[in-house]
């Protein structure tokens, strides 16, 4: 039996798993990266795949920029991202533990996530800044994601990245 991928959530935590599980499938993404110096945004096409894993107790996703279609069959360069995210519901803390593994930047990011209203909010502190990643406007066929940074304890936020996603496969 293969335990890496699962057909659905573990029954005992199904409502919590659905918070990210509703994203299960493949999505085309349009991404804008906003440099801190205010120079023009860089645009990219990507893709994002989500699925249940580990006996339905985790959500895995793979984030790719550029998308395989944009690569046109060419091999991915070392500076082009194909990263892995692992989301695990922690029933003791009543929140998600999140880890992102970047192949392009040899970086590992740890965050905590929770549902706030209809949004899924991931947060962490980094070198004196606060970093927030938010999934909002989550619909059956689309969602919006934004990455923001605050250098003043959360009083103001600067948009670093935004993603518009359209589902291409369930």
Foldseek 3Di string as FASTA:
>chain_A
DDFFFDPAADVVCRVVLCLCALQAAKKKKWKWFADPVRPHIDIWIWMKHWGAGRRRQKIKMWTWTHYPVVCVPPDDDLQTWTKMKIWGQDPVVRWIWMWIQTRNPRDIDIWIWDDDPSKIWTWDDDPQKIKIKIWPPDDSFKIKIWIWIGNPPPPDIDTGMIMIIGGDTD
